ModelCIF file with pLDDT and N, C-alpha, C, O atoms, coordinates in Angstrom:
data_MODEL
#
_entry.id   MODEL 
#
_entity.id                         1 
_entity.type                       polymer 
_entity.pdbx_number_of_molecules   1 
#
_entity_poly.entity_id                      1 
_entity_poly.type                           'polypeptide(L)' 
_entity_poly.nstd_linkage                   no 
_entity_poly.nstd_monomer                   no 
_entity_poly.pdbx_seq_one_letter_code       LERNYGLDRATAAHLHRTYGSRAARVLELAEGCPTPLVEGYPYL 
_entity_poly.pdbx_seq_one_letter_code_can   LERNYGLDRATAAHLHRTYGSRAARVLELAEGCPTPLVEGYPYL 
_entity_poly.pdbx_strand_id                 A 
#
loop_
_entity_poly_seq.entity_id 
_entity_poly_seq.num 
_entity_poly_seq.mon_id 
_entity_poly_seq.hetero 
1 1  LEU n 
1 2  GLU n 
1 3  ARG n 
1 4  ASN n 
1 5  TYR n 
1 6  GLY n 
1 7  LEU n 
1 8  ASP n 
1 9  ARG n 
1 10 ALA n 
1 11 THR n 
1 12 ALA n 
1 13 ALA n 
1 14 HIS n 
1 15 LEU n 
1 16 HIS n 
1 17 ARG n 
1 18 THR n 
1 19 TYR n 
1 20 GLY n 
1 21 SER n 
1 22 ARG n 
1 23 ALA n 
1 24 ALA n 
1 25 ARG n 
1 26 VAL n 
1 27 LEU n 
1 28 GLU n 
1 29 LEU n 
1 30 ALA n 
1 31 GLU n 
1 32 GLY n 
1 33 CYS n 
1 34 PRO n 
1 35 THR n 
1 36 PRO n 
1 37 LEU n 
1 38 VAL n 
1 39 GLU n 
1 40 GLY n 
1 41 TYR n 
1 42 PRO n 
1 43 TYR n 
1 44 LEU n 
#
_struct_asym.id          A 
_struct_asym.entity_id   1 
#
loop_
_ma_qa_metric.id 
_ma_qa_metric.mode 
_ma_qa_metric.name 
_ma_qa_metric.software_group_id 
_ma_qa_metric.type 
1 global pLDDT . pLDDT 
2 local  pLDDT . pLDDT 
#
_ma_qa_metric_global.metric_id      1 
_ma_qa_metric_global.metric_value   95.70 
_ma_qa_metric_global.model_id       1 
_ma_qa_metric_global.ordinal_id     1 
#
loop_
_ma_qa_metric_local.label_asym_id 
_ma_qa_metric_local.label_comp_id 
_ma_qa_metric_local.label_seq_id 
_ma_qa_metric_local.metric_id 
_ma_qa_metric_local.metric_value 
_ma_qa_metric_local.model_id 
_ma_qa_metric_local.ordinal_id 
A LEU 1  2 96.00 1 1  
A GLU 2  2 96.00 1 2  
A ARG 3  2 95.00 1 3  
A ASN 4  2 94.00 1 4  
A TYR 5  2 94.00 1 5  
A GLY 6  2 93.00 1 6  
A LEU 7  2 96.00 1 7  
A ASP 8  2 96.00 1 8  
A ARG 9  2 96.00 1 9  
A ALA 10 2 96.00 1 10 
A THR 11 2 97.00 1 11 
A ALA 12 2 98.00 1 12 
A ALA 13 2 97.00 1 13 
A HIS 14 2 98.00 1 14 
A LEU 15 2 98.00 1 15 
A HIS 16 2 98.00 1 16 
A ARG 17 2 97.00 1 17 
A THR 18 2 98.00 1 18 
A TYR 19 2 98.00 1 19 
A GLY 20 2 98.00 1 20 
A SER 21 2 97.00 1 21 
A ARG 22 2 98.00 1 22 
A ALA 23 2 98.00 1 23 
A ALA 24 2 96.00 1 24 
A ARG 25 2 97.00 1 25 
A VAL 26 2 98.00 1 26 
A LEU 27 2 97.00 1 27 
A GLU 28 2 96.00 1 28 
A LEU 29 2 96.00 1 29 
A ALA 30 2 93.00 1 30 
A GLU 31 2 86.00 1 31 
A GLY 32 2 84.00 1 32 
A CYS 33 2 88.00 1 33 
A PRO 34 2 94.00 1 34 
A THR 35 2 96.00 1 35 
A PRO 36 2 96.00 1 36 
A LEU 37 2 97.00 1 37 
A VAL 38 2 96.00 1 38 
A GLU 39 2 95.00 1 39 
A GLY 40 2 94.00 1 40 
A TYR 41 2 97.00 1 41 
A PRO 42 2 97.00 1 42 
A TYR 43 2 98.00 1 43 
A LEU 44 2 98.00 1 44 
#
loop_
_atom_site.group_PDB 
_atom_site.id 
_atom_site.type_symbol 
_atom_site.label_atom_id 
_atom_site.label_alt_id 
_atom_site.label_comp_id 
_atom_site.label_asym_id 
_atom_site.label_entity_id 
_atom_site.label_seq_id 
_atom_site.pdbx_PDB_ins_code 
_atom_site.Cartn_x 
_atom_site.Cartn_y 
_atom_site.Cartn_z 
_atom_site.occupancy 
_atom_site.B_iso_or_equiv 
_atom_site.pdbx_formal_charge 
_atom_site.auth_seq_id 
_atom_site.auth_comp_id 
_atom_site.auth_asym_id 
_atom_site.auth_atom_id 
_atom_site.pdbx_PDB_model_num 
ATOM 1   N N  . LEU A 1 1  ? 6.119  -5.810  -2.302  1.00 96.00 ? 1  LEU A N  1 
ATOM 2   C CA . LEU A 1 1  ? 5.077  -5.116  -2.586  1.00 96.00 ? 1  LEU A CA 1 
ATOM 3   C C  . LEU A 1 1  ? 5.414  -3.658  -3.184  1.00 96.00 ? 1  LEU A C  1 
ATOM 4   O O  . LEU A 1 1  ? 4.556  -2.838  -3.513  1.00 96.00 ? 1  LEU A O  1 
ATOM 5   N N  . GLU A 1 2  ? 6.881  -3.462  -3.274  1.00 96.00 ? 2  GLU A N  1 
ATOM 6   C CA . GLU A 1 2  ? 7.206  -2.288  -4.374  1.00 96.00 ? 2  GLU A CA 1 
ATOM 7   C C  . GLU A 1 2  ? 7.228  -2.818  -5.366  1.00 96.00 ? 2  GLU A C  1 
ATOM 8   O O  . GLU A 1 2  ? 6.586  -2.262  -6.257  1.00 96.00 ? 2  GLU A O  1 
ATOM 9   N N  . ARG A 1 3  ? 7.850  -3.938  -5.672  1.00 95.00 ? 3  ARG A N  1 
ATOM 10  C CA . ARG A 1 3  ? 8.071  -4.516  -7.149  1.00 95.00 ? 3  ARG A CA 1 
ATOM 11  C C  . ARG A 1 3  ? 6.640  -4.672  -7.565  1.00 95.00 ? 3  ARG A C  1 
ATOM 12  O O  . ARG A 1 3  ? 6.279  -4.083  -8.583  1.00 95.00 ? 3  ARG A O  1 
ATOM 13  N N  . ASN A 1 4  ? 5.849  -5.346  -6.939  1.00 94.00 ? 4  ASN A N  1 
ATOM 14  C CA . ASN A 1 4  ? 4.738  -6.225  -7.592  1.00 94.00 ? 4  ASN A CA 1 
ATOM 15  C C  . ASN A 1 4  ? 3.605  -4.851  -7.654  1.00 94.00 ? 4  ASN A C  1 
ATOM 16  O O  . ASN A 1 4  ? 2.633  -4.741  -8.401  1.00 94.00 ? 4  ASN A O  1 
ATOM 17  N N  . TYR A 1 5  ? 4.026  -4.015  -6.759  1.00 94.00 ? 5  TYR A N  1 
ATOM 18  C CA . TYR A 1 5  ? 2.626  -3.083  -6.772  1.00 94.00 ? 5  TYR A CA 1 
ATOM 19  C C  . TYR A 1 5  ? 3.024  -1.792  -7.336  1.00 94.00 ? 5  TYR A C  1 
ATOM 20  O O  . TYR A 1 5  ? 2.126  -0.995  -7.608  1.00 94.00 ? 5  TYR A O  1 
ATOM 21  N N  . GLY A 1 6  ? 4.317  -1.455  -7.564  1.00 93.00 ? 6  GLY A N  1 
ATOM 22  C CA . GLY A 1 6  ? 4.564  -0.187  -7.959  1.00 93.00 ? 6  GLY A CA 1 
ATOM 23  C C  . GLY A 1 6  ? 4.609  0.892   -6.927  1.00 93.00 ? 6  GLY A C  1 
ATOM 24  O O  . GLY A 1 6  ? 4.495  2.080   -7.225  1.00 93.00 ? 6  GLY A O  1 
ATOM 25  N N  . LEU A 1 7  ? 4.800  0.399   -5.544  1.00 96.00 ? 7  LEU A N  1 
ATOM 26  C CA . LEU A 1 7  ? 4.487  1.365   -4.372  1.00 96.00 ? 7  LEU A CA 1 
ATOM 27  C C  . LEU A 1 7  ? 5.971  2.241   -4.050  1.00 96.00 ? 7  LEU A C  1 
ATOM 28  O O  . LEU A 1 7  ? 7.045  1.954   -4.579  1.00 96.00 ? 7  LEU A O  1 
ATOM 29  N N  . ASP A 1 8  ? 5.805  3.141   -3.260  1.00 96.00 ? 8  ASP A N  1 
ATOM 30  C CA . ASP A 1 8  ? 7.198  3.855   -2.596  1.00 96.00 ? 8  ASP A CA 1 
ATOM 31  C C  . ASP A 1 8  ? 7.332  2.964   -1.377  1.00 96.00 ? 8  ASP A C  1 
ATOM 32  O O  . ASP A 1 8  ? 6.535  2.203   -0.829  1.00 96.00 ? 8  ASP A O  1 
ATOM 33  N N  . ARG A 1 9  ? 8.611  3.302   -1.119  1.00 96.00 ? 9  ARG A N  1 
ATOM 34  C CA . ARG A 1 9  ? 9.094  2.484   0.348   1.00 96.00 ? 9  ARG A CA 1 
ATOM 35  C C  . ARG A 1 9  ? 7.988  2.775   1.672   1.00 96.00 ? 9  ARG A C  1 
ATOM 36  O O  . ARG A 1 9  ? 7.540  1.852   2.353   1.00 96.00 ? 9  ARG A O  1 
ATOM 37  N N  . ALA A 1 10 ? 7.728  3.875   1.840   1.00 96.00 ? 10 ALA A N  1 
ATOM 38  C CA . ALA A 1 10 ? 6.716  4.381   2.971   1.00 96.00 ? 10 ALA A CA 1 
ATOM 39  C C  . ALA A 1 10 ? 5.667  3.695   2.728   1.00 96.00 ? 10 ALA A C  1 
ATOM 40  O O  . ALA A 1 10 ? 5.661  2.766   3.536   1.00 96.00 ? 10 ALA A O  1 
ATOM 41  N N  . THR A 1 11 ? 4.565  3.632   1.899   1.00 97.00 ? 11 THR A N  1 
ATOM 42  C CA . THR A 1 11 ? 3.672  3.100   1.539   1.00 97.00 ? 11 THR A CA 1 
ATOM 43  C C  . THR A 1 11 ? 3.933  1.406   1.493   1.00 97.00 ? 11 THR A C  1 
ATOM 44  O O  . THR A 1 11 ? 2.911  0.855   1.902   1.00 97.00 ? 11 THR A O  1 
ATOM 45  N N  . ALA A 1 12 ? 4.688  0.697   1.227   1.00 98.00 ? 12 ALA A N  1 
ATOM 46  C CA . ALA A 1 12 ? 4.998  -0.572  1.175   1.00 98.00 ? 12 ALA A CA 1 
ATOM 47  C C  . ALA A 1 12 ? 5.130  -0.782  2.745   1.00 98.00 ? 12 ALA A C  1 
ATOM 48  O O  . ALA A 1 12 ? 4.268  -1.441  3.325   1.00 98.00 ? 12 ALA A O  1 
ATOM 49  N N  . ALA A 1 13 ? 6.047  -0.310  3.338   1.00 97.00 ? 13 ALA A N  1 
ATOM 50  C CA . ALA A 1 13 ? 6.321  -0.443  4.830   1.00 97.00 ? 13 ALA A CA 1 
ATOM 51  C C  . ALA A 1 13 ? 4.952  -0.398  5.760   1.00 97.00 ? 13 ALA A C  1 
ATOM 52  O O  . ALA A 1 13 ? 4.591  -1.325  6.484   1.00 97.00 ? 13 ALA A O  1 
ATOM 53  N N  . HIS A 1 14 ? 4.441  0.537   5.639   1.00 98.00 ? 14 HIS A N  1 
ATOM 54  C CA . HIS A 1 14 ? 3.209  0.977   6.127   1.00 98.00 ? 14 HIS A CA 1 
ATOM 55  C C  . HIS A 1 14 ? 2.031  -0.582  6.206   1.00 98.00 ? 14 HIS A C  1 
ATOM 56  O O  . HIS A 1 14 ? 1.554  -1.292  7.091   1.00 98.00 ? 14 HIS A O  1 
ATOM 57  N N  . LEU A 1 15 ? 1.988  -0.494  4.668   1.00 98.00 ? 15 LEU A N  1 
ATOM 58  C CA . LEU A 1 15 ? 1.168  -1.689  4.721   1.00 98.00 ? 15 LEU A CA 1 
ATOM 59  C C  . LEU A 1 15 ? 1.853  -2.979  5.328   1.00 98.00 ? 15 LEU A C  1 
ATOM 60  O O  . LEU A 1 15 ? 1.114  -3.668  6.032   1.00 98.00 ? 15 LEU A O  1 
ATOM 61  N N  . HIS A 1 16 ? 2.961  -3.343  5.184   1.00 98.00 ? 16 HIS A N  1 
ATOM 62  C CA . HIS A 1 16 ? 3.223  -4.502  5.503   1.00 98.00 ? 16 HIS A CA 1 
ATOM 63  C C  . HIS A 1 16 ? 3.518  -4.609  7.082   1.00 98.00 ? 16 HIS A C  1 
ATOM 64  O O  . HIS A 1 16 ? 3.735  -5.682  7.647   1.00 98.00 ? 16 HIS A O  1 
ATOM 65  N N  . ARG A 1 17 ? 3.496  -3.309  7.744   1.00 97.00 ? 17 ARG A N  1 
ATOM 66  C CA . ARG A 1 17 ? 3.678  -3.584  9.277   1.00 97.00 ? 17 ARG A CA 1 
ATOM 67  C C  . ARG A 1 17 ? 2.286  -3.584  9.629   1.00 97.00 ? 17 ARG A C  1 
ATOM 68  O O  . ARG A 1 17 ? 2.127  -4.133  10.719  1.00 97.00 ? 17 ARG A O  1 
ATOM 69  N N  . THR A 1 18 ? 1.169  -3.154  9.087   1.00 98.00 ? 18 THR A N  1 
ATOM 70  C CA . THR A 1 18 ? 0.010  -3.094  9.326   1.00 98.00 ? 18 THR A CA 1 
ATOM 71  C C  . THR A 1 18 ? -0.658 -4.183  8.903   1.00 98.00 ? 18 THR A C  1 
ATOM 72  O O  . THR A 1 18 ? -1.438 -4.556  9.779   1.00 98.00 ? 18 THR A O  1 
ATOM 73  N N  . TYR A 1 19 ? -0.687 -4.854  7.932   1.00 98.00 ? 19 TYR A N  1 
ATOM 74  C CA . TYR A 1 19 ? -1.777 -6.005  7.405   1.00 98.00 ? 19 TYR A CA 1 
ATOM 75  C C  . TYR A 1 19 ? -0.689 -7.327  7.258   1.00 98.00 ? 19 TYR A C  1 
ATOM 76  O O  . TYR A 1 19 ? -1.214 -8.440  7.227   1.00 98.00 ? 19 TYR A O  1 
ATOM 77  N N  . GLY A 1 20 ? 0.758  -7.250  7.170   1.00 98.00 ? 20 GLY A N  1 
ATOM 78  C CA . GLY A 1 20 ? 1.633  -8.260  7.437   1.00 98.00 ? 20 GLY A CA 1 
ATOM 79  C C  . GLY A 1 20 ? 0.861  -9.103  6.208   1.00 98.00 ? 20 GLY A C  1 
ATOM 80  O O  . GLY A 1 20 ? 0.098  -8.468  5.481   1.00 98.00 ? 20 GLY A O  1 
ATOM 81  N N  . SER A 1 21 ? 1.037  -10.336 6.013   1.00 97.00 ? 21 SER A N  1 
ATOM 82  C CA . SER A 1 21 ? 0.833  -10.750 5.084   1.00 97.00 ? 21 SER A CA 1 
ATOM 83  C C  . SER A 1 21 ? -0.388 -11.004 4.139   1.00 97.00 ? 21 SER A C  1 
ATOM 84  O O  . SER A 1 21 ? -0.395 -11.750 3.160   1.00 97.00 ? 21 SER A O  1 
ATOM 85  N N  . ARG A 1 22 ? -1.517 -10.171 4.662   1.00 98.00 ? 22 ARG A N  1 
ATOM 86  C CA . ARG A 1 22 ? -2.520 -9.629  4.056   1.00 98.00 ? 22 ARG A CA 1 
ATOM 87  C C  . ARG A 1 22 ? -2.566 -8.540  3.031   1.00 98.00 ? 22 ARG A C  1 
ATOM 88  O O  . ARG A 1 22 ? -3.484 -8.415  2.221   1.00 98.00 ? 22 ARG A O  1 
ATOM 89  N N  . ALA A 1 23 ? -1.383 -7.657  3.126   1.00 98.00 ? 23 ALA A N  1 
ATOM 90  C CA . ALA A 1 23 ? -1.356 -6.493  2.734   1.00 98.00 ? 23 ALA A CA 1 
ATOM 91  C C  . ALA A 1 23 ? -1.631 -6.622  1.043   1.00 98.00 ? 23 ALA A C  1 
ATOM 92  O O  . ALA A 1 23 ? -1.938 -5.570  0.482   1.00 98.00 ? 23 ALA A O  1 
ATOM 93  N N  . ALA A 1 24 ? -1.547 -7.719  0.306   1.00 96.00 ? 24 ALA A N  1 
ATOM 94  C CA . ALA A 1 24 ? -1.818 -7.758  -0.998  1.00 96.00 ? 24 ALA A CA 1 
ATOM 95  C C  . ALA A 1 24 ? -3.673 -7.907  -1.271  1.00 96.00 ? 24 ALA A C  1 
ATOM 96  O O  . ALA A 1 24 ? -4.016 -7.841  -2.452  1.00 96.00 ? 24 ALA A O  1 
ATOM 97  N N  . ARG A 1 25 ? -4.446 -8.037  -0.546  1.00 97.00 ? 25 ARG A N  1 
ATOM 98  C CA . ARG A 1 25 ? -5.453 -8.213  -0.139  1.00 97.00 ? 25 ARG A CA 1 
ATOM 99  C C  . ARG A 1 25 ? -5.990 -6.957  -0.160  1.00 97.00 ? 25 ARG A C  1 
ATOM 100 O O  . ARG A 1 25 ? -6.884 -6.671  -0.956  1.00 97.00 ? 25 ARG A O  1 
ATOM 101 N N  . VAL A 1 26 ? -5.483 -6.067  0.733   1.00 98.00 ? 26 VAL A N  1 
ATOM 102 C CA . VAL A 1 26 ? -5.761 -4.505  0.573   1.00 98.00 ? 26 VAL A CA 1 
ATOM 103 C C  . VAL A 1 26 ? -5.544 -3.804  -0.803  1.00 98.00 ? 26 VAL A C  1 
ATOM 104 O O  . VAL A 1 26 ? -6.260 -2.941  -1.311  1.00 98.00 ? 26 VAL A O  1 
ATOM 105 N N  . LEU A 1 27 ? -4.113 -4.500  -1.421  1.00 97.00 ? 27 LEU A N  1 
ATOM 106 C CA . LEU A 1 27 ? -4.232 -3.394  -2.697  1.00 97.00 ? 27 LEU A CA 1 
ATOM 107 C C  . LEU A 1 27 ? -4.857 -4.023  -3.749  1.00 97.00 ? 27 LEU A C  1 
ATOM 108 O O  . LEU A 1 27 ? -4.713 -3.549  -4.876  1.00 97.00 ? 27 LEU A O  1 
ATOM 109 N N  . GLU A 1 28 ? -5.621 -5.152  -3.554  1.00 96.00 ? 28 GLU A N  1 
ATOM 110 C CA . GLU A 1 28 ? -6.527 -5.674  -4.660  1.00 96.00 ? 28 GLU A CA 1 
ATOM 111 C C  . GLU A 1 28 ? -7.770 -4.652  -4.824  1.00 96.00 ? 28 GLU A C  1 
ATOM 112 O O  . GLU A 1 28 ? -8.356 -4.408  -5.879  1.00 96.00 ? 28 GLU A O  1 
ATOM 113 N N  . LEU A 1 29 ? -8.024 -4.144  -3.630  1.00 96.00 ? 29 LEU A N  1 
ATOM 114 C CA . LEU A 1 29 ? -8.949 -3.225  -3.606  1.00 96.00 ? 29 LEU A CA 1 
ATOM 115 C C  . LEU A 1 29 ? -8.874 -1.863  -4.183  1.00 96.00 ? 29 LEU A C  1 
ATOM 116 O O  . LEU A 1 29 ? -9.832 -1.102  -4.320  1.00 96.00 ? 29 LEU A O  1 
ATOM 117 N N  . ALA A 1 30 ? -7.505 -1.602  -4.544  1.00 93.00 ? 30 ALA A N  1 
ATOM 118 C CA . ALA A 1 30 ? -6.967 -0.392  -5.054  1.00 93.00 ? 30 ALA A CA 1 
ATOM 119 C C  . ALA A 1 30 ? -7.296 -0.437  -6.726  1.00 93.00 ? 30 ALA A C  1 
ATOM 120 O O  . ALA A 1 30 ? -7.176 0.542   -7.462  1.00 93.00 ? 30 ALA A O  1 
ATOM 121 N N  . GLU A 1 31 ? -7.693 -1.647  -7.115  1.00 86.00 ? 31 GLU A N  1 
ATOM 122 C CA . GLU A 1 31 ? -7.997 -1.886  -8.311  1.00 86.00 ? 31 GLU A CA 1 
ATOM 123 C C  . GLU A 1 31 ? -6.827 -1.161  -9.357  1.00 86.00 ? 31 GLU A C  1 
ATOM 124 O O  . GLU A 1 31 ? -7.263 -0.289  -10.108 1.00 86.00 ? 31 GLU A O  1 
ATOM 125 N N  . GLY A 1 32 ? -5.618 -1.435  -9.417  1.00 84.00 ? 32 GLY A N  1 
ATOM 126 C CA . GLY A 1 32 ? -4.742 -1.101  -9.797  1.00 84.00 ? 32 GLY A CA 1 
ATOM 127 C C  . GLY A 1 32 ? -4.308 0.391   -10.054 1.00 84.00 ? 32 GLY A C  1 
ATOM 128 O O  . GLY A 1 32 ? -3.752 0.851   -11.052 1.00 84.00 ? 32 GLY A O  1 
ATOM 129 N N  . CYS A 1 33 ? -4.692 1.012   -8.934  1.00 88.00 ? 33 CYS A N  1 
ATOM 130 C CA . CYS A 1 33 ? -4.540 2.716   -8.731  1.00 88.00 ? 33 CYS A CA 1 
ATOM 131 C C  . CYS A 1 33 ? -4.382 2.605   -7.039  1.00 88.00 ? 33 CYS A C  1 
ATOM 132 O O  . CYS A 1 33 ? -5.382 2.361   -6.364  1.00 88.00 ? 33 CYS A O  1 
ATOM 133 N N  . PRO A 1 34 ? -3.070 2.800   -6.415  1.00 94.00 ? 34 PRO A N  1 
ATOM 134 C CA . PRO A 1 34 ? -3.448 2.535   -5.126  1.00 94.00 ? 34 PRO A CA 1 
ATOM 135 C C  . PRO A 1 34 ? -3.401 4.541   -5.002  1.00 94.00 ? 34 PRO A C  1 
ATOM 136 O O  . PRO A 1 34 ? -2.471 5.200   -5.468  1.00 94.00 ? 34 PRO A O  1 
ATOM 137 N N  . THR A 1 35 ? -4.301 4.993   -4.468  1.00 96.00 ? 35 THR A N  1 
ATOM 138 C CA . THR A 1 35 ? -4.708 6.376   -4.091  1.00 96.00 ? 35 THR A CA 1 
ATOM 139 C C  . THR A 1 35 ? -4.687 6.798   -2.667  1.00 96.00 ? 35 THR A C  1 
ATOM 140 O O  . THR A 1 35 ? -5.444 6.466   -1.755  1.00 96.00 ? 35 THR A O  1 
ATOM 141 N N  . PRO A 1 36 ? -3.467 7.751   -2.662  1.00 96.00 ? 36 PRO A N  1 
ATOM 142 C CA . PRO A 1 36 ? -3.229 8.268   -0.831  1.00 96.00 ? 36 PRO A CA 1 
ATOM 143 C C  . PRO A 1 36 ? -4.692 8.699   -0.752  1.00 96.00 ? 36 PRO A C  1 
ATOM 144 O O  . PRO A 1 36 ? -5.484 8.937   -1.664  1.00 96.00 ? 36 PRO A O  1 
ATOM 145 N N  . LEU A 1 37 ? -4.881 8.747   0.863   1.00 97.00 ? 37 LEU A N  1 
ATOM 146 C CA . LEU A 1 37 ? -6.100 9.616   1.293   1.00 97.00 ? 37 LEU A CA 1 
ATOM 147 C C  . LEU A 1 37 ? -5.679 10.658  1.636   1.00 97.00 ? 37 LEU A C  1 
ATOM 148 O O  . LEU A 1 37 ? -6.527 11.522  1.414   1.00 97.00 ? 37 LEU A O  1 
ATOM 149 N N  . VAL A 1 38 ? -4.561 11.157  2.186   1.00 96.00 ? 38 VAL A N  1 
ATOM 150 C CA . VAL A 1 38 ? -3.922 12.689  2.966   1.00 96.00 ? 38 VAL A CA 1 
ATOM 151 C C  . VAL A 1 38 ? -2.782 12.560  2.572   1.00 96.00 ? 38 VAL A C  1 
ATOM 152 O O  . VAL A 1 38 ? -2.081 11.559  2.420   1.00 96.00 ? 38 VAL A O  1 
ATOM 153 N N  . GLU A 1 39 ? -2.548 13.982  2.350   1.00 95.00 ? 39 GLU A N  1 
ATOM 154 C CA . GLU A 1 39 ? -1.067 14.072  1.672   1.00 95.00 ? 39 GLU A CA 1 
ATOM 155 C C  . GLU A 1 39 ? -0.046 13.790  3.151   1.00 95.00 ? 39 GLU A C  1 
ATOM 156 O O  . GLU A 1 39 ? -0.622 13.809  4.239   1.00 95.00 ? 39 GLU A O  1 
ATOM 157 N N  . GLY A 1 40 ? 1.401  13.546  3.098   1.00 94.00 ? 40 GLY A N  1 
ATOM 158 C CA . GLY A 1 40 ? 2.184  13.387  4.246   1.00 94.00 ? 40 GLY A CA 1 
ATOM 159 C C  . GLY A 1 40 ? 1.998  12.305  4.927   1.00 94.00 ? 40 GLY A C  1 
ATOM 160 O O  . GLY A 1 40 ? 2.689  12.163  5.936   1.00 94.00 ? 40 GLY A O  1 
ATOM 161 N N  . TYR A 1 41 ? 1.166  11.410  4.617   1.00 97.00 ? 41 TYR A N  1 
ATOM 162 C CA . TYR A 1 41 ? 0.840  9.752   5.308   1.00 97.00 ? 41 TYR A CA 1 
ATOM 163 C C  . TYR A 1 41 ? 0.771  8.935   4.078   1.00 97.00 ? 41 TYR A C  1 
ATOM 164 O O  . TYR A 1 41 ? 0.492  9.254   2.923   1.00 97.00 ? 41 TYR A O  1 
ATOM 165 N N  . PRO A 1 42 ? 1.131  7.672   4.671   1.00 97.00 ? 42 PRO A N  1 
ATOM 166 C CA . PRO A 1 42 ? 1.126  6.642   3.462   1.00 97.00 ? 42 PRO A CA 1 
ATOM 167 C C  . PRO A 1 42 ? -0.077 5.779   3.557   1.00 97.00 ? 42 PRO A C  1 
ATOM 168 O O  . PRO A 1 42 ? -0.002 4.623   3.141   1.00 97.00 ? 42 PRO A O  1 
ATOM 169 N N  . TYR A 1 43 ? -1.277 6.274   4.111   1.00 98.00 ? 43 TYR A N  1 
ATOM 170 C CA . TYR A 1 43 ? -2.802 5.802   4.184   1.00 98.00 ? 43 TYR A CA 1 
ATOM 171 C C  . TYR A 1 43 ? -3.183 6.000   2.960   1.00 98.00 ? 43 TYR A C  1 
ATOM 172 O O  . TYR A 1 43 ? -2.848 6.970   2.280   1.00 98.00 ? 43 TYR A O  1 
ATOM 173 N N  . LEU A 1 44 ? -4.359 4.519   2.386   1.00 98.00 ? 44 LEU A N  1 
ATOM 174 C CA . LEU A 1 44 ? -4.755 4.565   1.201   1.00 98.00 ? 44 LEU A CA 1 
ATOM 175 C C  . LEU A 1 44 ? -5.794 4.369   1.344   1.00 98.00 ? 44 LEU A C  1 
ATOM 176 O O  . LEU A 1 44 ? -6.553 4.330   0.376   1.00 98.00 ? 44 LEU A O  1 
#
């Protein structure tokens, strides 16, 4: 996830432990720009 989508470690780890093998499907909805939801947390 870090390599393919340019994510920081915290965000990649969050997506991996939350969505597992479907994390990439979440990132597809970011349309190339994963925007943080709230400061201090890895949610998008």
